[in-house]
Structures are given as C-alpha cells and as structure tokens.
Amino acid sequence: MSEDRNAADDNSQSLEVKMMNLLKRLKDIRIAHSPLILLTREDLSQELQSLAHKAQDVSRKQQEWVNSLPMSLADLCGYQHPPLAATYKCSPMNSSHPYSLPRELRALRNDTCDKSDALRADIVRLQRDADSMMTGRVKRKLESFSVKWGTRSDQK
C-alpha cells in the first residue's frame, strides 16, 4: 500500500512539474502587470484558478456579444435604410445599379462606341490601301512629279 502511495505521489509530483513547466512556457499570454510565480503547490493552484476564471470571463463576454449581435445588426440596417432608399429611388428599377447612366446616355454611349469602332476600321482600311498604292513604281513617279513641278514652281 505504501508503494501505491509512493507511486501516486511520484505521479502527482510529475504532473505538478509538467504543469509548472507548461505554465512557464505560456507565460507570454499573461497580463503584463502580473508576474508568474510558481514556487509551491498553492501557487500552481492559484494560477489554475485564475486561468479558469479568465476562461469563464472570456466565455461570458463572448456570449454577451453573441446575444447583442442581432440588436446591433438591426440598428445598422435601420441606420442605413433612409440613404439606401433615397439612392435606389433614382434608379430605373429597384434591383438595378443605383448609379448607372440614364437610358438616353447609355444609348448615346453605345452609338458613340459603334461609330468609333467603324472609324477605326476605316482608318485601318485606308492605311492598308495607301500602303498598297505606294509600290516602288508609284513612288518613283511621285518623286519625279514632285521634282519636276517643284523645280518649276521655284523658278517662277
């Protein structure tokens, strides 16, 4: 029986030492103004009670926050309702984007985009036609024409 008691004491002391080591490793999560002092079994017991009390406080605060959340969300929705209603009142439909352009401006923008695309296509076509016209023979004729008529206009 004394062997069982000695084994239990050894086991208890071993657990106590492991608990102290664990608490010392986790001392950085403690409040800054309360130093960690673990010298006796009472110190360890007080520290464990303090941790249990902190865990209960955190759990209670979390539950309070969860309980107050629906009311906070209702306040938020109530606060934003008038500006949102005024914003969406001016939109074409209550489900459309409130800051979209009016129908006439959208039509004008689409028409302008179509015409600018057509102009770009015409520019590309004209550049291609101009490049094809400027073959070697055409370039020589153009140069001789400009030399012939350019010198005559200089002589006058």
C-alpha atoms as a PDB file:
ATOM      1  CA  MET A   1       0.000   0.000   0.000  1.00  0.00           C
ATOM      2  CA  SER A   2       2.862   2.341   0.693  1.00  0.00           C
ATOM      3  CA  GLU A   3       4.218   1.531  -2.762  1.00  0.00           C
ATOM      4  CA  ASP A   4       0.902   2.621  -4.317  1.00  0.00           C
ATOM      5  CA  ARG A   5       1.011   5.787  -2.259  1.00  0.00           C
ATOM      6  CA  ASN A   6       4.611   6.486  -3.311  1.00  0.00           C
ATOM      7  CA  ALA A   7       3.698   5.866  -6.950  1.00  0.00           C
ATOM      8  CA  ALA A   8       0.706   8.206  -6.639  1.00  0.00           C
ATOM      9  CA  ASP A   9       2.889  10.894  -5.016  1.00  0.00           C
ATOM     10  CA  ASP A  10       5.510  10.485  -7.750  1.00  0.00           C
ATOM     11  CA  ASN A  11       2.806  10.697 -10.390  1.00  0.00           C
ATOM     12  CA  SER A  12       1.306  13.765  -8.692  1.00  0.00           C
ATOM     13  CA  GLN A  13       4.708  15.447  -8.442  1.00  0.00           C
ATOM     14  CA  SER A  14       5.446  14.581 -12.054  1.00  0.00           C
ATOM     15  CA  LEU A  15       2.140  16.117 -13.154  1.00  0.00           C
ATOM     16  CA  GLU A  16       2.826  19.129 -10.949  1.00  0.00           C
ATOM     17  CA  VAL A  17       6.239  19.662 -12.534  1.00  0.00           C
ATOM     18  CA  LYS A  18       4.802  19.243 -16.033  1.00  0.00           C
ATOM     19  CA  MET A  19       2.019  21.713 -15.241  1.00  0.00           C
ATOM     20  CA  MET A  20       4.510  24.270 -13.894  1.00  0.00           C
ATOM     21  CA  ASN A  21       6.693  23.879 -16.969  1.00  0.00           C
ATOM     22  CA  LEU A  22       3.685  24.314 -19.254  1.00  0.00           C
ATOM     23  CA  LEU A  23       2.545  27.441 -17.419  1.00  0.00           C
ATOM     24  CA  LYS A  24       6.066  28.867 -17.555  1.00  0.00           C
ATOM     25  CA  ARG A  25       6.200  28.269 -21.318  1.00  0.00           C
ATOM     26  CA  LEU A  26       2.842  30.018 -21.736  1.00  0.00           C
ATOM     27  CA  LYS A  27       3.703  32.976 -19.503  1.00  0.00           C
ATOM     28  CA  ASP A  28       3.729  35.347 -22.502  1.00  0.00           C
ATOM     29  CA  ILE A  29      -0.057  35.187 -22.726  1.00  0.00           C
ATOM     30  CA  ARG A  30      -0.419  36.512 -19.181  1.00  0.00           C
ATOM     31  CA  ILE A  31      -1.349  40.070 -18.330  1.00  0.00           C
ATOM     32  CA  ALA A  32       1.790  42.205 -18.329  1.00  0.00           C
ATOM     33  CA  HIS A  33       1.442  43.625 -14.790  1.00  0.00           C
ATOM     34  CA  SER A  34       1.145  40.260 -13.038  1.00  0.00           C
ATOM     35  CA  PRO A  35       4.369  38.226 -12.927  1.00  0.00           C
ATOM     36  CA  LEU A  36       4.228  34.442 -12.950  1.00  0.00           C
ATOM     37  CA  ILE A  37       5.495  32.959  -9.676  1.00  0.00           C
ATOM     38  CA  LEU A  38       5.170  29.196  -9.300  1.00  0.00           C
ATOM     39  CA  LEU A  39       7.098  28.104  -6.235  1.00  0.00           C
ATOM     40  CA  THR A  40       4.628  25.984  -4.316  1.00  0.00           C
ATOM     41  CA  ARG A  41       1.597  23.837  -4.890  1.00  0.00           C
ATOM     42  CA  GLU A  42      -0.611  26.727  -3.736  1.00  0.00           C
ATOM     43  CA  ASP A  43       0.933  28.994  -6.389  1.00  0.00           C
ATOM     44  CA  LEU A  44       0.091  26.413  -9.008  1.00  0.00           C
ATOM     45  CA  SER A  45      -3.449  26.044  -7.660  1.00  0.00           C
ATOM     46  CA  GLN A  46      -3.979  29.822  -7.678  1.00  0.00           C
ATOM     47  CA  GLU A  47      -2.673  30.095 -11.224  1.00  0.00           C
ATOM     48  CA  LEU A  48      -5.003  27.337 -12.422  1.00  0.00           C
ATOM     49  CA  GLN A  49      -7.948  29.003 -10.658  1.00  0.00           C
ATOM     50  CA  SER A  50      -7.003  32.323 -12.251  1.00  0.00           C
ATOM     51  CA  LEU A  51      -6.880  30.713 -15.701  1.00  0.00           C
ATOM     52  CA  ALA A  52     -10.254  29.048 -15.136  1.00  0.00           C
ATOM     53  CA  HIS A  53     -11.738  32.387 -14.020  1.00  0.00           C
ATOM     54  CA  LYS A  54     -10.308  34.146 -17.108  1.00  0.00           C
ATOM     55  CA  ALA A  55     -11.723  31.421 -19.350  1.00  0.00           C
ATOM     56  CA  GLN A  56     -15.156  31.887 -17.766  1.00  0.00           C
ATOM     57  CA  ASP A  57     -14.924  35.671 -18.228  1.00  0.00           C
ATOM     58  CA  VAL A  58     -13.991  35.280 -21.879  1.00  0.00           C
ATOM     59  CA  SER A  59     -16.802  32.788 -22.423  1.00  0.00           C
ATOM     60  CA  ARG A  60     -19.301  35.124 -20.696  1.00  0.00           C
ATOM     61  CA  LYS A  61     -18.164  38.123 -22.771  1.00  0.00           C
ATOM     62  CA  GLN A  62     -18.392  36.073 -25.944  1.00  0.00           C
ATOM     63  CA  GLN A  63     -21.936  35.002 -25.080  1.00  0.00           C
ATOM     64  CA  GLU A  64     -22.898  38.618 -24.307  1.00  0.00           C
ATOM     65  CA  TRP A  65     -21.511  39.691 -27.677  1.00  0.00           C
ATOM     66  CA  VAL A  66     -23.409  36.922 -29.468  1.00  0.00           C
ATOM     67  CA  ASN A  67     -26.615  37.900 -27.652  1.00  0.00           C
ATOM     68  CA  SER A  68     -26.185  41.588 -28.557  1.00  0.00           C
ATOM     69  CA  LEU A  69     -25.350  40.894 -32.203  1.00  0.00           C
ATOM     70  CA  PRO A  70     -28.929  40.732 -33.596  1.00  0.00           C
ATOM     71  CA  MET A  71     -29.788  44.066 -31.982  1.00  0.00           C
ATOM     72  CA  SER A  72     -26.596  45.642 -33.349  1.00  0.00           C
ATOM     73  CA  LEU A  73     -27.374  44.355 -36.823  1.00  0.00           C
ATOM     74  CA  ALA A  74     -30.913  45.700 -36.602  1.00  0.00           C
ATOM     75  CA  ASP A  75     -29.534  49.109 -35.609  1.00  0.00           C
ATOM     76  CA  LEU A  76     -27.155  49.026 -38.540  1.00  0.00           C
ATOM     77  CA  CYS A  77     -29.896  48.206 -41.015  1.00  0.00           C
ATOM     78  CA  GLY A  78     -32.158  50.873 -39.540  1.00  0.00           C
ATOM     79  CA  TYR A  79     -29.415  53.471 -39.722  1.00  0.00           C
ATOM     80  CA  GLN A  80     -28.643  52.852 -43.382  1.00  0.00           C
ATOM     81  CA  HIS A  81     -32.199  52.460 -44.621  1.00  0.00           C
ATOM     82  CA  PRO A  82     -33.018  56.132 -45.448  1.00  0.00           C
ATOM     83  CA  PRO A  83     -29.863  56.797 -47.508  1.00  0.00           C
ATOM     84  CA  LEU A  84     -30.229  53.482 -49.334  1.00  0.00           C
ATOM     85  CA  ALA A  85     -33.884  54.138 -50.062  1.00  0.00           C
ATOM     86  CA  ALA A  86     -33.060  57.600 -51.438  1.00  0.00           C
ATOM     87  CA  THR A  87     -30.233  56.191 -53.545  1.00  0.00           C
ATOM     88  CA  TYR A  88     -32.283  53.412 -55.098  1.00  0.00           C
ATOM     89  CA  LYS A  89     -35.289  55.702 -55.590  1.00  0.00           C
ATOM     90  CA  CYS A  90     -33.485  57.321 -58.544  1.00  0.00           C
ATOM     91  CA  SER A  91     -32.517  54.055 -60.217  1.00  0.00           C
ATOM     92  CA  PRO A  92     -34.617  52.728 -63.131  1.00  0.00           C
ATOM     93  CA  MET A  93     -35.616  49.611 -61.183  1.00  0.00           C
ATOM     94  CA  ASN A  94     -35.163  48.827 -57.512  1.00  0.00           C
ATOM     95  CA  SER A  95     -32.906  45.915 -58.429  1.00  0.00           C
ATOM     96  CA  SER A  96     -30.672  47.794 -60.882  1.00  0.00           C
ATOM     97  CA  HIS A  97     -27.455  49.568 -60.043  1.00  0.00           C
ATOM     98  CA  PRO A  98     -28.333  52.936 -58.475  1.00  0.00           C
ATOM     99  CA  TYR A  99     -25.579  54.922 -60.156  1.00  0.00           C
ATOM    100  CA  SER A 100     -25.993  53.678 -63.695  1.00  0.00           C
ATOM    101  CA  LEU A 101     -26.364  56.113 -66.553  1.00  0.00           C
ATOM    102  CA  PRO A 102     -29.837  57.102 -67.723  1.00  0.00           C
ATOM    103  CA  ARG A 103     -31.226  55.203 -70.710  1.00  0.00           C
ATOM    104  CA  GLU A 104     -30.590  58.096 -73.147  1.00  0.00           C
ATOM    105  CA  LEU A 105     -26.932  58.404 -72.145  1.00  0.00           C
ATOM    106  CA  ARG A 106     -26.438  54.640 -72.371  1.00  0.00           C
ATOM    107  CA  ALA A 107     -27.865  54.718 -75.917  1.00  0.00           C
ATOM    108  CA  LEU A 108     -25.599  57.651 -76.793  1.00  0.00           C
ATOM    109  CA  ARG A 109     -22.568  55.860 -75.354  1.00  0.00           C
ATOM    110  CA  ASN A 110     -23.365  52.682 -77.312  1.00  0.00           C
ATOM    111  CA  ASP A 111     -23.882  54.675 -80.522  1.00  0.00           C
ATOM    112  CA  THR A 112     -20.599  56.533 -79.989  1.00  0.00           C
ATOM    113  CA  CYS A 113     -18.738  53.281 -79.378  1.00  0.00           C
ATOM    114  CA  ASP A 114     -20.213  51.759 -82.558  1.00  0.00           C
ATOM    115  CA  LYS A 115     -19.234  54.790 -84.656  1.00  0.00           C
ATOM    116  CA  SER A 116     -15.733  54.945 -83.206  1.00  0.00           C
ATOM    117  CA  ASP A 117     -15.269  51.244 -83.987  1.00  0.00           C
ATOM    118  CA  ALA A 118     -16.399  51.902 -87.571  1.00  0.00           C
ATOM    119  CA  LEU A 119     -13.966  54.834 -87.844  1.00  0.00           C
ATOM    120  CA  ARG A 120     -11.105  52.687 -86.559  1.00  0.00           C
ATOM    121  CA  ALA A 121     -11.920  50.038 -89.158  1.00  0.00           C
ATOM    122  CA  ASP A 122     -11.982  52.719 -91.892  1.00  0.00           C
ATOM    123  CA  ILE A 123      -8.607  54.080 -90.757  1.00  0.00           C
ATOM    124  CA  VAL A 124      -7.074  50.616 -90.916  1.00  0.00           C
ATOM    125  CA  ARG A 125      -8.566  50.066 -94.378  1.00  0.00           C
ATOM    126  CA  LEU A 126      -7.308  53.433 -95.673  1.00  0.00           C
ATOM    127  CA  GLN A 127      -3.818  52.827 -94.310  1.00  0.00           C
ATOM    128  CA  ARG A 128      -3.747  49.440 -95.975  1.00  0.00           C
ATOM    129  CA  ASP A 129      -4.920  50.999 -99.281  1.00  0.00           C
ATOM    130  CA  ALA A 130      -2.324  53.770 -99.026  1.00  0.00           C
ATOM    131  CA  ASP A 131       0.439  51.260 -98.359  1.00  0.00           C
ATOM    132  CA  SER A 132      -0.580  49.157-101.352  1.00  0.00           C
ATOM    133  CA  MET A 133      -0.585  52.226-103.605  1.00  0.00           C
ATOM    134  CA  MET A 134       2.917  53.153-102.584  1.00  0.00           C
ATOM    135  CA  THR A 135       4.709  50.486-104.580  1.00  0.00           C
ATOM    136  CA  GLY A 136       8.179  51.187-105.987  1.00  0.00           C
ATOM    137  CA  ARG A 137       6.917  52.364-109.374  1.00  0.00           C
ATOM    138  CA  VAL A 138       4.314  54.689-107.856  1.00  0.00           C
ATOM    139  CA  LYS A 139       6.920  56.135-105.505  1.00  0.00           C
ATOM    140  CA  ARG A 140       9.299  56.870-108.394  1.00  0.00           C
ATOM    141  CA  LYS A 141       6.553  58.558-110.414  1.00  0.00           C
ATOM    142  CA  LEU A 142       5.518  60.623-107.411  1.00  0.00           C
ATOM    143  CA  GLU A 143       9.105  61.680-106.775  1.00  0.00           C
ATOM    144  CA  SER A 144       9.690  62.637-110.402  1.00  0.00           C
ATOM    145  CA  PHE A 145       6.425  64.551-110.421  1.00  0.00           C
ATOM    146  CA  SER A 146       7.339  66.459-107.270  1.00  0.00           C
ATOM    147  CA  VAL A 147      10.865  67.154-108.590  1.00  0.00           C
ATOM    148  CA  LYS A 148       9.588  68.323-111.984  1.00  0.00           C
ATOM    149  CA  TRP A 149       6.827  70.527-110.646  1.00  0.00           C
ATOM    150  CA  GLY A 150       8.708  71.500-107.521  1.00  0.00           C
ATOM    151  CA  THR A 151      11.599  72.963-109.520  1.00  0.00           C
ATOM    152  CA  ARG A 152       9.299  74.785-111.951  1.00  0.00           C
ATOM    153  CA  SER A 153       7.435  76.479-109.120  1.00  0.00           C
ATOM    154  CA  ASP A 154      10.781  77.525-107.636  1.00  0.00           C
ATOM    155  CA  GLN A 155      11.860  79.126-110.933  1.00  0.00           C
ATOM    156  CA  LYS A 156       8.848  81.403-111.147  1.00  0.00           C
END
